[in-house]
C-alpha atoms as a PDB file:
ATOM      1  CA  MET A   1     -13.436 -14.013  44.141  1.00  0.00           C
ATOM      2  CA  LYS A   2     -12.771 -10.145  44.777  1.00  0.00           C
ATOM      3  CA  ALA A   3      -9.544  -9.076  47.358  1.00  0.00           C
ATOM      4  CA  ASN A   4     -12.050  -7.828  49.836  1.00  0.00           C
ATOM      5  CA  ALA A   5     -14.401 -10.987  49.748  1.00  0.00           C
ATOM      6  CA  LYS A   6     -14.790 -12.751  52.908  1.00  0.00           C
ATOM      7  CA  PRO A   7     -14.851 -16.862  52.853  1.00  0.00           C
ATOM      8  CA  THR A   8     -18.236 -18.064  52.862  1.00  0.00           C
ATOM      9  CA  CYS A   9     -19.673 -21.447  52.983  1.00  0.00           C
ATOM     10  CA  SER A  10     -23.196 -21.901  51.486  1.00  0.00           C
ATOM     11  CA  CYS A  11     -23.872 -24.902  53.510  1.00  0.00           C
ATOM     12  CA  LYS A  12     -22.876 -26.523  56.524  1.00  0.00           C
ATOM     13  CA  SER A  13     -22.539 -29.902  55.012  1.00  0.00           C
ATOM     14  CA  GLN A  14     -19.687 -28.436  52.821  1.00  0.00           C
ATOM     15  CA  MET A  15     -17.423 -27.862  55.783  1.00  0.00           C
ATOM     16  CA  PHE A  16     -17.516 -31.683  56.416  1.00  0.00           C
ATOM     17  CA  SER A  17     -16.938 -32.537  52.812  1.00  0.00           C
ATOM     18  CA  LYS A  18     -13.798 -34.003  51.434  1.00  0.00           C
ATOM     19  CA  THR A  19     -13.066 -30.679  49.652  1.00  0.00           C
ATOM     20  CA  GLY A  20     -15.021 -28.519  51.674  1.00  0.00           C
ATOM     21  CA  GLY A  21     -12.070 -27.908  54.419  1.00  0.00           C
ATOM     22  CA  LEU A  22      -9.699 -27.324  51.596  1.00  0.00           C
ATOM     23  CA  VAL A  23     -11.941 -24.841  49.566  1.00  0.00           C
ATOM     24  CA  MET A  24     -12.329 -22.715  52.918  1.00  0.00           C
ATOM     25  CA  ASP A  25      -8.616 -22.784  53.481  1.00  0.00           C
ATOM     26  CA  VAL A  26      -7.762 -21.564  50.250  1.00  0.00           C
ATOM     27  CA  SER A  27     -10.781 -18.737  50.449  1.00  0.00           C
ATOM     28  CA  ARG A  28      -9.320 -17.516  53.778  1.00  0.00           C
ATOM     29  CA  ILE A  29      -5.695 -17.515  52.154  1.00  0.00           C
ATOM     30  CA  LEU A  30      -6.891 -15.846  49.061  1.00  0.00           C
ATOM     31  CA  ALA A  31      -8.878 -13.398  51.267  1.00  0.00           C
ATOM     32  CA  SER A  32      -5.469 -12.329  53.220  1.00  0.00           C
ATOM     33  CA  MET A  33      -3.791 -11.385  49.926  1.00  0.00           C
ATOM     34  CA  PRO A  34      -3.808  -7.743  48.564  1.00  0.00           C
ATOM     35  CA  SER A  35      -4.373  -8.395  44.952  1.00  0.00           C
ATOM     36  CA  PHE A  36      -6.067 -11.736  43.592  1.00  0.00           C
ATOM     37  CA  SER A  37      -8.123 -12.912  40.747  1.00  0.00           C
ATOM     38  CA  VAL A  38     -10.057 -16.448  40.520  1.00  0.00           C
ATOM     39  CA  HIS A  39     -11.582 -17.600  37.468  1.00  0.00           C
ATOM     40  CA  TYR A  40     -13.545 -20.569  36.827  1.00  0.00           C
ATOM     41  CA  VAL A  41     -12.609 -22.147  33.197  1.00  0.00           C
ATOM     42  CA  LEU A  42     -14.039 -25.658  31.901  1.00  0.00           C
ATOM     43  CA  GLN A  43     -11.645 -28.515  32.188  1.00  0.00           C
ATOM     44  CA  ILE A  44     -11.672 -28.917  28.350  1.00  0.00           C
ATOM     45  CA  THR A  45      -9.846 -25.300  28.299  1.00  0.00           C
ATOM     46  CA  ASN A  46      -7.356 -26.138  31.246  1.00  0.00           C
ATOM     47  CA  GLY A  47      -6.169 -29.285  29.509  1.00  0.00           C
ATOM     48  CA  VAL A  48      -2.562 -28.706  30.832  1.00  0.00           C
ATOM     49  CA  ALA A  49      -3.545 -28.533  34.630  1.00  0.00           C
ATOM     50  CA  ASP A  50      -6.141 -31.364  34.165  1.00  0.00           C
ATOM     51  CA  ARG A  51      -3.187 -33.604  33.062  1.00  0.00           C
ATOM     52  CA  ILE A  52      -0.653 -32.672  35.780  1.00  0.00           C
ATOM     53  CA  ALA A  53      -3.456 -33.335  38.185  1.00  0.00           C
ATOM     54  CA  HIS A  54      -4.348 -36.884  37.084  1.00  0.00           C
ATOM     55  CA  TYR A  55      -0.536 -37.322  36.483  1.00  0.00           C
ATOM     56  CA  GLY A  56      -0.183 -36.567  40.405  1.00  0.00           C
ATOM     57  CA  LEU A  57      -2.914 -38.558  41.309  1.00  0.00           C
ATOM     58  CA  SER A  58      -1.568 -41.566  39.533  1.00  0.00           C
ATOM     59  CA  GLN A  59       1.841 -41.255  41.774  1.00  0.00           C
ATOM     60  CA  GLU A  60       2.343 -43.286  45.085  1.00  0.00           C
ATOM     61  CA  ASP A  61       5.218 -41.476  46.222  1.00  0.00           C
ATOM     62  CA  LEU A  62       5.239 -37.827  47.009  1.00  0.00           C
ATOM     63  CA  ALA A  63       7.353 -35.319  44.835  1.00  0.00           C
ATOM     64  CA  PHE A  64       8.260 -31.944  45.754  1.00  0.00           C
ATOM     65  CA  TRP A  65      10.639 -29.197  44.866  1.00  0.00           C
ATOM     66  CA  PHE A  66      11.291 -26.094  47.030  1.00  0.00           C
ATOM     67  CA  ASP A  67      13.376 -23.941  44.181  1.00  0.00           C
ATOM     68  CA  VAL A  68      13.080 -23.981  40.377  1.00  0.00           C
ATOM     69  CA  PRO A  69      10.684 -26.575  39.137  1.00  0.00           C
ATOM     70  CA  PRO A  70      12.234 -29.726  37.133  1.00  0.00           C
ATOM     71  CA  LEU A  71      12.129 -29.296  33.355  1.00  0.00           C
END
């Protein structure tokens, strides 16, 4: 995705899917930033992010921080 890219949706059904709204929101936010880069990587090459995502999904309580992340 380029900095001057406009958010697009390939089909109307994506807007009604569980992830469609999130994808549209992220696209709008990124389009408003002066400089950014988004790259697709295979799940196997992004193991740390995959493990963090699975850990987050397994948690019943919400956890978040506003400052320096916990170590």
